[in-house]
Amino acid sequence: MNKIKYIIILLASVGSLVSCELDNIDGPDAGLYGSIIDDVSGALIEQDIIRGGELELREFGYDNVSPQTMNYLVDGTYRDSKLFGNTYKVFPLKTNFHAIDTMVVNISGQTKLDLVVSPYVRIKNAEITMTDNIITATFSLEQTGDGNVVKVGLYAGADANVGEPVRLVKKEQNIGVPVAPVNPIETYTLSIDAGKEQDLKEENTYFFRIGALYDAPNARFNYAPAVEFMLEITED
């Protein structure tokens, strides 16, 4: 019986020591943040809040290290303030811009890293108006590659995170092959009749956003900024 008690006490002591060692491990002491910037206009390249682009990080100094990923915010910025200070390989995945080389970044403290890139599609001359609860978007497109713009869309949602994956209502137009490249002087028009959409209610405020999808592996939508409207009361 005394031997069993001794073993139990020994195991408890070892467990206590391990727990203390774990408690003494320092937490994350660094972070990475920045913006996705259009290399021509200098504007932020807007993103989707879900199923959007990702930034992959692989930390140096470990065998078979698992990658870490962070998602971009809708406005085209990103931030992860809970990283360990070290050197990382950084590479964008599932983008709405053309590929860039893998970067080697020394992350120490809160480190800024802006990505200056070429978006697949620029949505130009964008205008969204509302008349009698009919929301109309007009715009033109400028593509930066030789592929096809697959489709364009007008998306309605409850907040400024609206986009193709997060929306209540959509109006899309397929462009498809063999129309490549798009004509930069052509004007596209898309309309949503809010009065005929059961998910859009009178006197509520909604956000409307124009998007365009380019034909590239794992491509994500390019967007113009969202516009906010309160739906009017219509007479029976």
C-alpha atoms as a PDB file:
ATOM      1  CA  MET A   1       0.000   0.000   0.000  1.00  0.00           C
ATOM      2  CA  ASN A   2       2.851   2.388   0.869  1.00  0.00           C
ATOM      3  CA  LYS A   3       4.422   1.667  -2.562  1.00  0.00           C
ATOM      4  CA  ILE A   4       1.177   2.613  -4.304  1.00  0.00           C
ATOM      5  CA  LYS A   5       0.946   5.843  -2.313  1.00  0.00           C
ATOM      6  CA  TYR A   6       4.542   6.642  -3.252  1.00  0.00           C
ATOM      7  CA  ILE A   7       3.849   6.140  -6.953  1.00  0.00           C
ATOM      8  CA  ILE A   8       0.745   8.352  -6.799  1.00  0.00           C
ATOM      9  CA  ILE A   9       2.666  11.116  -5.040  1.00  0.00           C
ATOM     10  CA  LEU A  10       5.519  10.832  -7.574  1.00  0.00           C
ATOM     11  CA  LEU A  11       3.148  11.079 -10.543  1.00  0.00           C
ATOM     12  CA  ALA A  12       1.414  14.077  -8.998  1.00  0.00           C
ATOM     13  CA  SER A  13       4.771  15.781  -8.470  1.00  0.00           C
ATOM     14  CA  VAL A  14       5.861  15.160 -12.073  1.00  0.00           C
ATOM     15  CA  GLY A  15       2.529  16.471 -13.330  1.00  0.00           C
ATOM     16  CA  SER A  16       2.915  19.586 -11.237  1.00  0.00           C
ATOM     17  CA  LEU A  17       6.411  20.205 -12.637  1.00  0.00           C
ATOM     18  CA  VAL A  18       5.209  19.787 -16.237  1.00  0.00           C
ATOM     19  CA  SER A  19       2.304  22.126 -15.570  1.00  0.00           C
ATOM     20  CA  CYS A  20       4.663  24.752 -14.181  1.00  0.00           C
ATOM     21  CA  GLU A  21       6.938  24.434 -17.204  1.00  0.00           C
ATOM     22  CA  LEU A  22       3.959  24.865 -19.559  1.00  0.00           C
ATOM     23  CA  ASP A  23       2.757  27.868 -17.594  1.00  0.00           C
ATOM     24  CA  ASN A  24       6.174  29.468 -18.006  1.00  0.00           C
ATOM     25  CA  ILE A  25       6.117  29.252 -21.820  1.00  0.00           C
ATOM     26  CA  ASP A  26       5.891  32.759 -23.251  1.00  0.00           C
ATOM     27  CA  GLY A  27       2.819  33.579 -25.321  1.00  0.00           C
ATOM     28  CA  PRO A  28       2.758  35.202 -28.747  1.00  0.00           C
ATOM     29  CA  ASP A  29       4.855  38.372 -28.733  1.00  0.00           C
ATOM     30  CA  ALA A  30       4.491  39.656 -32.295  1.00  0.00           C
ATOM     31  CA  GLY A  31       2.055  40.246 -35.123  1.00  0.00           C
ATOM     32  CA  LEU A  32       1.723  40.966 -38.819  1.00  0.00           C
ATOM     33  CA  TYR A  33      -0.565  43.511 -40.453  1.00  0.00           C
ATOM     34  CA  GLY A  34      -0.886  45.410 -43.692  1.00  0.00           C
ATOM     35  CA  SER A  35      -2.923  46.259 -46.769  1.00  0.00           C
ATOM     36  CA  ILE A  36      -3.567  44.800 -50.223  1.00  0.00           C
ATOM     37  CA  ILE A  37      -2.820  47.724 -52.549  1.00  0.00           C
ATOM     38  CA  ASP A  38      -3.536  48.199 -56.264  1.00  0.00           C
ATOM     39  CA  ASP A  39      -0.194  48.748 -57.980  1.00  0.00           C
ATOM     40  CA  VAL A  40      -1.672  51.364 -60.358  1.00  0.00           C
ATOM     41  CA  SER A  41      -4.344  53.276 -58.444  1.00  0.00           C
ATOM     42  CA  GLY A  42      -2.921  52.872 -54.945  1.00  0.00           C
ATOM     43  CA  ALA A  43      -6.401  51.957 -53.695  1.00  0.00           C
ATOM     44  CA  LEU A  44      -7.095  49.097 -51.321  1.00  0.00           C
ATOM     45  CA  ILE A  45      -8.225  45.939 -53.130  1.00  0.00           C
ATOM     46  CA  GLU A  46     -11.476  44.983 -51.432  1.00  0.00           C
ATOM     47  CA  GLN A  47     -12.109  41.389 -50.402  1.00  0.00           C
ATOM     48  CA  ASP A  48     -14.786  38.918 -49.309  1.00  0.00           C
ATOM     49  CA  ILE A  49     -15.307  38.395 -45.588  1.00  0.00           C
ATOM     50  CA  ILE A  50     -15.713  34.612 -46.021  1.00  0.00           C
ATOM     51  CA  ARG A  51     -14.379  32.350 -48.758  1.00  0.00           C
ATOM     52  CA  GLY A  52     -12.038  35.227 -49.498  1.00  0.00           C
ATOM     53  CA  GLY A  53      -8.300  35.429 -49.934  1.00  0.00           C
ATOM     54  CA  GLU A  54      -5.812  34.058 -47.438  1.00  0.00           C
ATOM     55  CA  LEU A  55      -2.249  34.805 -46.443  1.00  0.00           C
ATOM     56  CA  GLU A  56      -0.164  31.734 -45.612  1.00  0.00           C
ATOM     57  CA  LEU A  57       2.725  31.882 -43.124  1.00  0.00           C
ATOM     58  CA  ARG A  58       5.340  29.185 -42.551  1.00  0.00           C
ATOM     59  CA  GLU A  59       7.630  29.694 -39.601  1.00  0.00           C
ATOM     60  CA  PHE A  60      11.359  28.987 -39.999  1.00  0.00           C
ATOM     61  CA  GLY A  61      13.274  26.696 -37.664  1.00  0.00           C
ATOM     62  CA  TYR A  62      10.909  23.723 -37.432  1.00  0.00           C
ATOM     63  CA  ASP A  63      10.667  20.471 -39.376  1.00  0.00           C
ATOM     64  CA  ASN A  64       7.375  19.763 -41.153  1.00  0.00           C
ATOM     65  CA  VAL A  65       5.889  22.969 -39.797  1.00  0.00           C
ATOM     66  CA  SER A  66       2.158  23.379 -40.389  1.00  0.00           C
ATOM     67  CA  PRO A  67       1.245  26.592 -42.210  1.00  0.00           C
ATOM     68  CA  GLN A  68      -0.739  29.323 -40.514  1.00  0.00           C
ATOM     69  CA  THR A  69      -3.299  31.299 -42.498  1.00  0.00           C
ATOM     70  CA  MET A  70      -5.017  34.614 -41.982  1.00  0.00           C
ATOM     71  CA  ASN A  71      -7.982  36.066 -43.845  1.00  0.00           C
ATOM     72  CA  TYR A  72      -8.265  39.548 -45.269  1.00  0.00           C
ATOM     73  CA  LEU A  73     -10.859  42.022 -44.069  1.00  0.00           C
ATOM     74  CA  VAL A  74     -13.467  43.382 -46.494  1.00  0.00           C
ATOM     75  CA  ASP A  75     -11.648  46.709 -46.867  1.00  0.00           C
ATOM     76  CA  GLY A  76      -8.468  45.013 -48.122  1.00  0.00           C
ATOM     77  CA  THR A  77      -6.477  45.029 -44.893  1.00  0.00           C
ATOM     78  CA  TYR A  78      -5.369  42.175 -42.633  1.00  0.00           C
ATOM     79  CA  ARG A  79      -3.989  41.703 -39.112  1.00  0.00           C
ATOM     80  CA  ASP A  80      -2.868  38.883 -36.821  1.00  0.00           C
ATOM     81  CA  SER A  81      -1.523  40.198 -33.519  1.00  0.00           C
ATOM     82  CA  LYS A  82      -0.846  36.777 -31.975  1.00  0.00           C
ATOM     83  CA  LEU A  83       2.251  35.432 -33.697  1.00  0.00           C
ATOM     84  CA  PHE A  84       5.600  34.381 -32.298  1.00  0.00           C
ATOM     85  CA  GLY A  85       8.505  36.556 -33.302  1.00  0.00           C
ATOM     86  CA  ASN A  86      10.557  34.726 -35.948  1.00  0.00           C
ATOM     87  CA  THR A  87      11.329  34.615 -39.655  1.00  0.00           C
ATOM     88  CA  TYR A  88       8.452  33.431 -41.854  1.00  0.00           C
ATOM     89  CA  LYS A  89       7.765  32.608 -45.448  1.00  0.00           C
ATOM     90  CA  VAL A  90       4.659  34.575 -46.444  1.00  0.00           C
ATOM     91  CA  PHE A  91       2.570  33.802 -49.524  1.00  0.00           C
ATOM     92  CA  PRO A  92      -0.949  34.842 -50.655  1.00  0.00           C
ATOM     93  CA  LEU A  93      -3.447  32.078 -51.478  1.00  0.00           C
ATOM     94  CA  LYS A  94      -6.871  32.133 -53.200  1.00  0.00           C
ATOM     95  CA  THR A  95      -6.466  35.684 -54.367  1.00  0.00           C
ATOM     96  CA  ASN A  96      -8.281  38.273 -56.448  1.00  0.00           C
ATOM     97  CA  PHE A  97      -4.947  39.502 -57.800  1.00  0.00           C
ATOM     98  CA  HIS A  98      -2.102  38.102 -59.876  1.00  0.00           C
ATOM     99  CA  ALA A  99       0.490  35.899 -58.181  1.00  0.00           C
ATOM    100  CA  ILE A 100       3.512  37.391 -56.460  1.00  0.00           C
ATOM    101  CA  ASP A 101       6.687  35.725 -55.204  1.00  0.00           C
ATOM    102  CA  THR A 102       6.919  34.162 -51.756  1.00  0.00           C
ATOM    103  CA  MET A 103       8.273  36.694 -49.280  1.00  0.00           C
ATOM    104  CA  VAL A 104      10.665  36.058 -46.391  1.00  0.00           C
ATOM    105  CA  VAL A 105       9.688  38.325 -43.508  1.00  0.00           C
ATOM    106  CA  ASN A 106      11.268  38.836 -40.097  1.00  0.00           C
ATOM    107  CA  ILE A 107       8.278  39.357 -37.804  1.00  0.00           C
ATOM    108  CA  SER A 108       9.330  41.208 -34.678  1.00  0.00           C
ATOM    109  CA  GLY A 109       6.824  43.142 -32.637  1.00  0.00           C
ATOM    110  CA  GLN A 110       3.883  44.389 -34.701  1.00  0.00           C
ATOM    111  CA  THR A 111       5.317  44.206 -38.222  1.00  0.00           C
ATOM    112  CA  LYS A 112       3.744  45.947 -41.227  1.00  0.00           C
ATOM    113  CA  LEU A 113       3.748  44.249 -44.633  1.00  0.00           C
ATOM    114  CA  ASP A 114       1.817  45.846 -47.506  1.00  0.00           C
ATOM    115  CA  LEU A 115       1.217  43.764 -50.633  1.00  0.00           C
ATOM    116  CA  VAL A 116       1.358  45.901 -53.782  1.00  0.00           C
ATOM    117  CA  VAL A 117      -0.277  43.775 -56.466  1.00  0.00           C
ATOM    118  CA  SER A 118      -2.245  43.830 -59.710  1.00  0.00           C
ATOM    119  CA  PRO A 119      -5.944  42.974 -59.271  1.00  0.00           C
ATOM    120  CA  TYR A 120      -7.504  40.602 -61.779  1.00  0.00           C
ATOM    121  CA  VAL A 121     -10.266  43.107 -62.523  1.00  0.00           C
ATOM    122  CA  ARG A 122     -10.756  46.803 -61.775  1.00  0.00           C
ATOM    123  CA  ILE A 123     -14.377  47.918 -61.551  1.00  0.00           C
ATOM    124  CA  LYS A 124     -14.385  51.397 -63.042  1.00  0.00           C
ATOM    125  CA  ASN A 125     -16.895  54.252 -63.161  1.00  0.00           C
ATOM    126  CA  ALA A 126     -19.084  52.417 -60.648  1.00  0.00           C
ATOM    127  CA  GLU A 127     -22.392  54.071 -59.759  1.00  0.00           C
ATOM    128  CA  ILE A 128     -25.281  52.617 -57.762  1.00  0.00           C
ATOM    129  CA  THR A 129     -28.576  54.524 -57.602  1.00  0.00           C
ATOM    130  CA  MET A 130     -32.052  53.859 -56.226  1.00  0.00           C
ATOM    131  CA  THR A 131     -35.334  54.958 -57.824  1.00  0.00           C
ATOM    132  CA  ASP A 132     -38.674  53.664 -56.507  1.00  0.00           C
ATOM    133  CA  ASN A 133     -36.814  50.871 -54.665  1.00  0.00           C
ATOM    134  CA  ILE A 134     -35.148  49.716 -57.876  1.00  0.00           C
ATOM    135  CA  ILE A 135     -31.403  49.648 -57.277  1.00  0.00           C
ATOM    136  CA  THR A 136     -29.363  50.024 -60.463  1.00  0.00           C
ATOM    137  CA  ALA A 137     -25.622  49.578 -60.840  1.00  0.00           C
ATOM    138  CA  THR A 138     -23.669  50.811 -63.862  1.00  0.00           C
ATOM    139  CA  PHE A 139     -19.969  50.238 -64.326  1.00  0.00           C
ATOM    140  CA  SER A 140     -17.189  49.274 -66.709  1.00  0.00           C
ATOM    141  CA  LEU A 141     -14.390  46.740 -66.340  1.00  0.00           C
ATOM    142  CA  GLU A 142     -10.643  46.788 -66.780  1.00  0.00           C
ATOM    143  CA  GLN A 143      -8.968  43.403 -66.668  1.00  0.00           C
ATOM    144  CA  THR A 144      -5.234  42.964 -66.232  1.00  0.00           C
ATOM    145  CA  GLY A 145      -4.718  39.482 -67.721  1.00  0.00           C
ATOM    146  CA  ASP A 146      -5.463  37.657 -70.944  1.00  0.00           C
ATOM    147  CA  GLY A 147      -8.135  35.351 -69.476  1.00  0.00           C
ATOM    148  CA  ASN A 148     -11.889  35.794 -69.249  1.00  0.00           C
ATOM    149  CA  VAL A 149     -14.047  37.696 -66.826  1.00  0.00           C
ATOM    150  CA  VAL A 150     -16.521  34.946 -65.956  1.00  0.00           C
ATOM    151  CA  LYS A 151     -19.370  37.015 -64.530  1.00  0.00           C
ATOM    152  CA  VAL A 152     -20.376  40.242 -62.871  1.00  0.00           C
ATOM    153  CA  GLY A 153     -22.893  40.708 -60.095  1.00  0.00           C
ATOM    154  CA  LEU A 154     -24.795  43.160 -57.920  1.00  0.00           C
ATOM    155  CA  TYR A 155     -25.146  41.841 -54.372  1.00  0.00           C
ATOM    156  CA  ALA A 156     -27.487  43.060 -51.615  1.00  0.00           C
ATOM    157  CA  GLY A 157     -26.915  42.350 -47.930  1.00  0.00           C
ATOM    158  CA  ALA A 158     -27.664  43.491 -44.406  1.00  0.00           C
ATOM    159  CA  ASP A 159     -24.228  45.019 -43.737  1.00  0.00           C
ATOM    160  CA  ALA A 160     -21.081  46.288 -45.428  1.00  0.00           C
ATOM    161  CA  ASN A 161     -19.633  42.752 -45.563  1.00  0.00           C
ATOM    162  CA  VAL A 162     -21.970  42.011 -48.470  1.00  0.00           C
ATOM    163  CA  GLY A 163     -20.498  40.073 -51.392  1.00  0.00           C
ATOM    164  CA  GLU A 164     -21.160  36.966 -53.449  1.00  0.00           C
ATOM    165  CA  PRO A 165     -20.846  34.559 -50.466  1.00  0.00           C
ATOM    166  CA  VAL A 166     -22.647  36.863 -47.980  1.00  0.00           C
ATOM    167  CA  ARG A 167     -25.819  38.316 -49.496  1.00  0.00           C
ATOM    168  CA  LEU A 168     -29.582  38.259 -49.322  1.00  0.00           C
ATOM    169  CA  VAL A 169     -30.219  38.948 -53.005  1.00  0.00           C
ATOM    170  CA  LYS A 170     -28.093  38.870 -56.121  1.00  0.00           C
ATOM    171  CA  LYS A 171     -28.345  39.867 -59.768  1.00  0.00           C
ATOM    172  CA  GLU A 172     -25.626  38.323 -61.931  1.00  0.00           C
ATOM    173  CA  GLN A 173     -24.665  38.363 -65.581  1.00  0.00           C
ATOM    174  CA  ASN A 174     -22.487  35.625 -67.068  1.00  0.00           C
ATOM    175  CA  ILE A 175     -19.908  36.876 -69.524  1.00  0.00           C
ATOM    176  CA  GLY A 176     -17.893  33.729 -70.237  1.00  0.00           C
ATOM    177  CA  VAL A 177     -15.867  32.665 -73.214  1.00  0.00           C
ATOM    178  CA  PRO A 178     -14.825  33.637 -75.815  1.00  0.00           C
ATOM    179  CA  VAL A 179     -15.203  37.264 -74.732  1.00  0.00           C
ATOM    180  CA  ALA A 180     -11.614  38.003 -73.719  1.00  0.00           C
ATOM    181  CA  PRO A 181     -10.549  40.586 -72.896  1.00  0.00           C
ATOM    182  CA  VAL A 182     -13.581  42.663 -71.932  1.00  0.00           C
ATOM    183  CA  ASN A 183     -14.111  45.932 -73.743  1.00  0.00           C
ATOM    184  CA  PRO A 184     -13.058  48.680 -71.287  1.00  0.00           C
ATOM    185  CA  ILE A 185     -15.514  51.189 -72.775  1.00  0.00           C
ATOM    186  CA  GLU A 186     -18.539  48.896 -72.467  1.00  0.00           C
ATOM    187  CA  THR A 187     -21.006  49.843 -69.731  1.00  0.00           C
ATOM    188  CA  TYR A 188     -22.652  47.055 -67.735  1.00  0.00           C
ATOM    189  CA  THR A 189     -26.014  47.551 -66.060  1.00  0.00           C
ATOM    190  CA  LEU A 190     -27.500  45.353 -63.307  1.00  0.00           C
ATOM    191  CA  SER A 191     -30.706  46.039 -61.378  1.00  0.00           C
ATOM    192  CA  ILE A 192     -32.472  44.645 -58.312  1.00  0.00           C
ATOM    193  CA  ASP A 193     -36.153  45.432 -57.828  1.00  0.00           C
ATOM    194  CA  ALA A 194     -36.253  45.447 -54.025  1.00  0.00           C
ATOM    195  CA  GLY A 195     -40.043  45.602 -54.022  1.00  0.00           C
ATOM    196  CA  LYS A 196     -40.173  42.133 -55.531  1.00  0.00           C
ATOM    197  CA  GLU A 197     -37.611  40.566 -53.184  1.00  0.00           C
ATOM    198  CA  GLN A 198     -39.110  39.000 -50.042  1.00  0.00           C
ATOM    199  CA  ASP A 199     -35.753  39.172 -48.239  1.00  0.00           C
ATOM    200  CA  LEU A 200     -35.593  42.973 -48.582  1.00  0.00           C
ATOM    201  CA  LYS A 201     -38.007  44.872 -46.333  1.00  0.00           C
ATOM    202  CA  GLU A 202     -39.332  48.422 -46.545  1.00  0.00           C
ATOM    203  CA  GLU A 203     -37.765  50.949 -44.147  1.00  0.00           C
ATOM    204  CA  ASN A 204     -34.732  48.703 -43.642  1.00  0.00           C
ATOM    205  CA  THR A 205     -31.223  49.668 -44.651  1.00  0.00           C
ATOM    206  CA  TYR A 206     -29.230  47.450 -47.020  1.00  0.00           C
ATOM    207  CA  PHE A 207     -25.832  47.507 -48.668  1.00  0.00           C
ATOM    208  CA  PHE A 208     -25.256  46.964 -52.383  1.00  0.00           C
ATOM    209  CA  ARG A 209     -21.911  45.982 -53.902  1.00  0.00           C
ATOM    210  CA  ILE A 210     -20.675  45.313 -57.448  1.00  0.00           C
ATOM    211  CA  GLY A 211     -18.398  42.311 -58.002  1.00  0.00           C
ATOM    212  CA  ALA A 212     -16.596  40.653 -60.895  1.00  0.00           C
ATOM    213  CA  LEU A 213     -15.006  37.189 -61.094  1.00  0.00           C
ATOM    214  CA  TYR A 214     -11.973  36.444 -63.271  1.00  0.00           C
ATOM    215  CA  ASP A 215     -11.168  33.005 -64.680  1.00  0.00           C
ATOM    216  CA  ALA A 216      -8.052  31.902 -62.774  1.00  0.00           C
ATOM    217  CA  PRO A 217      -7.342  28.983 -60.411  1.00  0.00           C
ATOM    218  CA  ASN A 218      -8.909  29.658 -56.987  1.00  0.00           C
ATOM    219  CA  ALA A 219      -9.786  33.212 -58.041  1.00  0.00           C
ATOM    220  CA  ARG A 220     -11.864  35.365 -55.707  1.00  0.00           C
ATOM    221  CA  PHE A 221     -14.168  38.246 -56.599  1.00  0.00           C
ATOM    222  CA  ASN A 222     -12.974  41.784 -57.175  1.00  0.00           C
ATOM    223  CA  TYR A 223     -15.280  44.491 -55.814  1.00  0.00           C
ATOM    224  CA  ALA A 224     -16.232  48.131 -55.831  1.00  0.00           C
ATOM    225  CA  PRO A 225     -17.104  49.746 -52.483  1.00  0.00           C
ATOM    226  CA  ALA A 226     -20.559  48.989 -51.067  1.00  0.00           C
ATOM    227  CA  VAL A 227     -23.298  51.615 -51.172  1.00  0.00           C
ATOM    228  CA  GLU A 228     -26.006  51.934 -48.493  1.00  0.00           C
ATOM    229  CA  PHE A 229     -29.702  52.623 -49.088  1.00  0.00           C
ATOM    230  CA  MET A 230     -32.810  52.650 -46.911  1.00  0.00           C
ATOM    231  CA  LEU A 231     -35.746  51.176 -48.775  1.00  0.00           C
ATOM    232  CA  GLU A 232     -38.724  53.466 -49.174  1.00  0.00           C
ATOM    233  CA  ILE A 233     -42.298  52.819 -48.128  1.00  0.00           C
ATOM    234  CA  THR A 234     -44.365  52.024 -51.201  1.00  0.00           C
ATOM    235  CA  GLU A 235     -48.064  52.702 -51.491  1.00  0.00           C
ATOM    236  CA  ASP A 236     -50.441  49.829 -52.181  1.00  0.00           C
END
